[in-house]
Every structure is written in C-alpha cells, then in structure tokens.
C-alpha cells in the first residue's frame, strides 16, 4: 500500500495507517470508515464529547470509559472500539479528528479516489457538478470526489483544489492580475 510520507510522518497519520492496516487484514475497511464518519459527526455535534476527548484533567480511565460508552451508543465495530481504547490509554483522543481525516485519505487513495474542493461565486447545479467531476476524473486519471462551497468574493469562475494543486479560474484573480499588470 502506498501511503504518502506526509500522512505517515504525522502522529495522526501513523495511528490512521495502523488502523487501516488492521482493518485491511480483517476485511473491515468499509465498516471502520463508516464508524469513523459516525464518530466524526458525534464529535462535531457534541460539545461534551469534544471536551471529554480533549480535557487533560480527565484521567485515562475516565476518557476510556466515556469513549467506550460513545462507541457502544453508536454501535461501532469491535476494531473501532479497540482503537478508541488504545487512543484513550495513550492519551491521544485529542488527535482523533486528524486521525479520522487521515484514515479517510488513506482509504480514498486505496480506492483510487481523490478529493477536490471546488469554490464558486454562486452555487453550482447538479449537472455542472457532474460535468466538472467528469472532466477532473479524466484529467486526474482516478475518481474525483467533489466538495463544493460558495465564496461570493470570487465574483465569478471557479477555484479547484486537488491535493496541493490549485486551479484558479476566478474573476477575482484575473482582475488582480490585470491590476498588477497595469501598475507595472
């Protein structure tokens, strides 16, 4: 499995890589990924859960009990619950959001997917998003998953970010370039 050095060099990436390898061996990558999506949603919705995972005053056992209760409530798989237990005992629950993101990146790369963030001045229609996805998939040679947002400051056009590549076809950038050219 080819995992980028950037992911492997971070603490979150090392834990996510280990979890991915265990899930691959057990054939439960999809189940673990689904569990992590549920857990991410719970973290974003619950201030108490976020506090329990980041509060240094809570003991390891208290954090472990809290995260085990959350895992039971969410119906998480045994491997995911074991992973959370290891994080609690190692006092690494505070890095859980980064680990979830790293796991999703690893799983997507394994499936041959890449994520593209698209910003536009106005909301794009479903057909525009489908066309953009098709063109980016052809350009990248692998499946592109789009996440779209609206940025009125762009004035028009698009800004597409795929990994470390940025394609900026916004009117704001063109106007700024024109302004710089006229100053010279």
Protein backbone atom coordinates (compact mmCIF):
# COMPACT_ATOMS: atom_id res chain seq x y z
CA UNK A 1 0.00 0.00 0.00
CA UNK A 2 1.35 3.41 -0.97
CA UNK A 3 0.72 5.98 1.73
CA UNK A 4 2.15 9.45 1.30
CA UNK A 5 5.08 10.36 3.50
CA UNK A 6 3.19 13.42 4.75
CA UNK A 7 0.47 11.26 6.28
CA UNK A 8 2.92 8.75 7.73
CA UNK A 9 5.07 11.45 9.32
CA UNK A 10 2.29 12.87 11.48
CA UNK A 11 1.11 11.32 14.72
CA UNK A 12 -2.46 11.12 13.41
CA UNK A 13 -1.21 9.56 10.19
CA UNK A 14 0.73 6.83 11.98
CA UNK A 15 -2.31 5.85 14.05
CA UNK A 16 -4.59 6.04 10.98
CA UNK A 17 -2.15 3.91 8.95
CA UNK A 18 -2.05 1.29 11.69
CA UNK A 19 -5.84 1.23 11.91
CA UNK A 20 -6.11 0.96 8.12
CA UNK A 21 -3.70 -1.97 8.01
CA UNK A 22 -5.61 -3.79 10.76
CA UNK A 23 -8.92 -3.09 9.02
CA UNK A 24 -7.48 -4.31 5.70
CA UNK A 25 -6.27 -7.55 7.26
CA UNK A 26 -9.70 -8.09 8.82
CA UNK A 27 -11.54 -7.03 5.65
CA UNK A 28 -13.46 -4.34 7.53
CA UNK A 29 -12.16 -1.12 5.96
CA UNK A 30 -15.65 -0.03 4.88
CA UNK A 31 -17.14 -0.74 8.32
CA UNK A 32 -14.36 1.12 10.12
CA UNK A 33 -14.63 4.05 7.72
CA UNK A 34 -18.38 4.17 8.37
CA UNK A 35 -17.73 4.06 12.12
CA UNK A 36 -15.29 6.95 11.84
CA UNK A 37 -17.85 9.01 9.90
CA UNK A 38 -20.37 8.41 12.71
CA UNK A 39 -17.75 9.32 15.30
CA UNK A 40 -16.79 12.47 13.42
CA UNK A 41 -20.43 13.53 13.31
CA UNK A 42 -20.77 12.90 17.04
CA UNK A 43 -17.64 14.95 17.74
CA UNK A 44 -18.91 17.88 15.68
CA UNK A 45 -22.37 17.78 17.28
CA UNK A 46 -21.47 17.26 20.94
CA UNK A 47 -19.51 19.79 22.95
CA UNK A 48 -19.42 17.31 25.84
CA UNK A 49 -17.81 14.61 23.70
CA UNK A 50 -15.26 17.06 22.31
CA UNK A 51 -14.49 18.17 25.85
CA UNK A 52 -14.12 14.58 27.05
CA UNK A 53 -11.60 13.82 24.30
CA UNK A 54 -9.52 16.97 24.78
CA UNK A 55 -9.68 17.65 28.53
CA UNK A 56 -6.25 16.90 30.04
CA UNK A 57 -7.74 16.88 33.55
CA UNK A 58 -9.72 13.70 32.83
CA UNK A 59 -7.87 10.52 33.69
CA UNK A 60 -7.07 7.91 31.08
CA UNK A 61 -9.66 5.58 32.58
CA UNK A 62 -12.34 8.30 32.61
CA UNK A 63 -11.65 9.09 28.96
CA UNK A 64 -11.64 5.38 28.16
CA UNK A 65 -15.00 4.86 29.87
CA UNK A 66 -16.50 7.88 28.11
CA UNK A 67 -15.32 6.87 24.66
CA UNK A 68 -16.37 3.23 25.26
CA UNK A 69 -19.88 4.44 26.14
CA UNK A 70 -19.96 6.54 22.98
CA UNK A 71 -18.78 3.56 20.92
CA UNK A 72 -21.48 1.36 22.40
CA UNK A 73 -24.14 4.04 21.82
CA UNK A 74 -23.08 4.50 18.17
CA UNK A 75 -22.84 0.74 17.61
CA UNK A 76 -19.21 0.84 16.48
CA UNK A 77 -17.37 -2.29 15.35
CA UNK A 78 -15.03 -4.13 17.72
CA UNK A 79 -11.91 -2.97 15.88
CA UNK A 80 -13.00 0.67 16.06
CA UNK A 81 -13.81 0.36 19.77
CA UNK A 82 -10.43 -1.29 20.42
CA UNK A 83 -8.71 1.51 18.52
CA UNK A 84 -10.52 4.13 20.60
CA UNK A 85 -9.48 2.27 23.76
CA UNK A 86 -5.84 2.39 22.67
CA UNK A 87 -6.16 6.12 21.96
CA UNK A 88 -7.64 6.70 25.42
CA UNK A 89 -4.94 4.68 27.18
CA UNK A 90 -2.21 6.53 25.22
CA UNK A 91 -3.89 9.92 25.83
CA UNK A 92 -4.26 10.53 22.08
CA UNK A 93 -8.03 11.12 21.86
CA UNK A 94 -7.42 14.83 21.26
CA UNK A 95 -5.93 13.95 17.86
CA UNK A 96 -8.97 11.86 16.86
CA UNK A 97 -10.35 14.33 14.24
CA UNK A 98 -6.98 14.37 12.46
CA UNK A 99 -6.80 10.57 12.63
CA UNK A 100 -10.25 10.29 11.08
CA UNK A 101 -9.26 12.63 8.25
CA UNK A 102 -6.02 10.72 7.67
CA UNK A 103 -7.85 7.37 7.63
CA UNK A 104 -10.34 8.72 5.08
CA UNK A 105 -7.48 9.98 2.92
CA UNK A 106 -5.73 6.60 3.06
CA UNK A 107 -8.95 4.70 2.29
CA UNK A 108 -9.78 7.02 -0.62
CA UNK A 109 -6.28 6.63 -2.05
CA UNK A 110 -6.58 2.86 -1.78
CA UNK A 111 -9.84 3.00 -3.74
CA UNK A 112 -8.21 5.23 -6.36
CA UNK A 113 -10.16 8.32 -5.34
CA UNK A 114 -9.02 11.86 -4.85
CA UNK A 115 -10.95 14.73 -3.26
CA UNK A 116 -11.33 18.07 -4.97
CA UNK A 117 -12.57 21.19 -3.19
CA UNK A 118 -14.46 23.50 -5.53
CA UNK A 119 -15.26 27.11 -4.66
CA UNK A 120 -17.56 29.15 -6.86
CA UNK A 121 -19.19 32.56 -6.62
CA UNK A 122 -22.66 31.02 -6.98
CA UNK A 123 -23.99 27.53 -6.17
CA UNK A 124 -23.30 25.05 -8.97
CA UNK A 125 -26.16 22.97 -10.37
CA UNK A 126 -26.06 19.19 -10.21
CA UNK A 127 -25.34 19.00 -13.93
CA UNK A 128 -22.46 21.49 -13.61
CA UNK A 129 -21.01 19.48 -10.73
CA UNK A 130 -21.36 16.24 -12.72
CA UNK A 131 -19.63 17.78 -15.75
CA UNK A 132 -16.84 19.17 -13.57
CA UNK A 133 -16.43 15.81 -11.84
CA UNK A 134 -16.17 14.03 -15.21
CA UNK A 135 -13.57 16.47 -16.52
CA UNK A 136 -11.49 16.31 -13.33
CA UNK A 137 -11.70 12.50 -13.30
CA UNK A 138 -10.42 12.42 -16.89
CA UNK A 139 -7.64 14.90 -16.02
CA UNK A 140 -6.52 13.08 -12.86
CA UNK A 141 -6.94 9.53 -14.15
CA UNK A 142 -8.77 8.47 -10.99
CA UNK A 143 -12.18 9.02 -9.46
CA UNK A 144 -12.66 12.54 -8.12
CA UNK A 145 -14.98 13.20 -5.19
CA UNK A 146 -16.17 16.82 -5.14
CA UNK A 147 -16.88 19.01 -2.16
CA UNK A 148 -18.38 22.30 -3.28
CA UNK A 149 -18.77 25.57 -1.42
CA UNK A 150 -19.76 29.12 -2.31
CA UNK A 151 -17.39 32.09 -1.99
CA UNK A 152 -19.05 35.32 -3.22
CA UNK A 153 -15.67 37.11 -3.11
CA UNK A 154 -14.64 35.20 -6.25
CA UNK A 155 -17.09 37.33 -8.28
CA UNK A 156 -17.32 34.54 -10.86
CA UNK A 157 -15.50 31.47 -12.10
CA UNK A 158 -14.08 28.61 -10.03
CA UNK A 159 -11.21 27.70 -7.78
CA UNK A 160 -10.49 23.96 -7.71
CA UNK A 161 -8.07 22.46 -5.20
CA UNK A 162 -6.91 18.87 -5.66
CA UNK A 163 -4.33 17.90 -3.07
CA UNK A 164 -1.60 20.52 -3.37
CA UNK A 165 -2.67 21.63 -6.86
CA UNK A 166 -4.84 24.70 -7.28
CA UNK A 167 -6.63 25.68 -10.47
CA UNK A 168 -7.76 29.28 -10.09
CA UNK A 169 -10.11 30.43 -12.84
CA UNK A 170 -11.87 33.09 -10.78
CA UNK A 171 -12.67 36.58 -11.96
CA UNK A 172 -11.15 37.99 -8.75
CA UNK A 173 -7.75 36.52 -9.64
CA UNK A 174 -8.00 37.74 -13.23
CA UNK A 175 -8.84 41.26 -12.05
CA UNK A 176 -5.96 41.21 -9.57
CA UNK A 177 -3.57 40.08 -12.33
CA UNK A 178 -4.83 42.81 -14.62
CA UNK A 179 -4.42 45.39 -11.86
CA UNK A 180 -0.83 44.26 -11.24
CA UNK A 181 -0.05 44.37 -14.97
CA UNK A 182 -1.39 47.91 -15.24
CA UNK A 183 0.78 49.08 -12.31
CA UNK A 184 3.95 47.85 -13.98
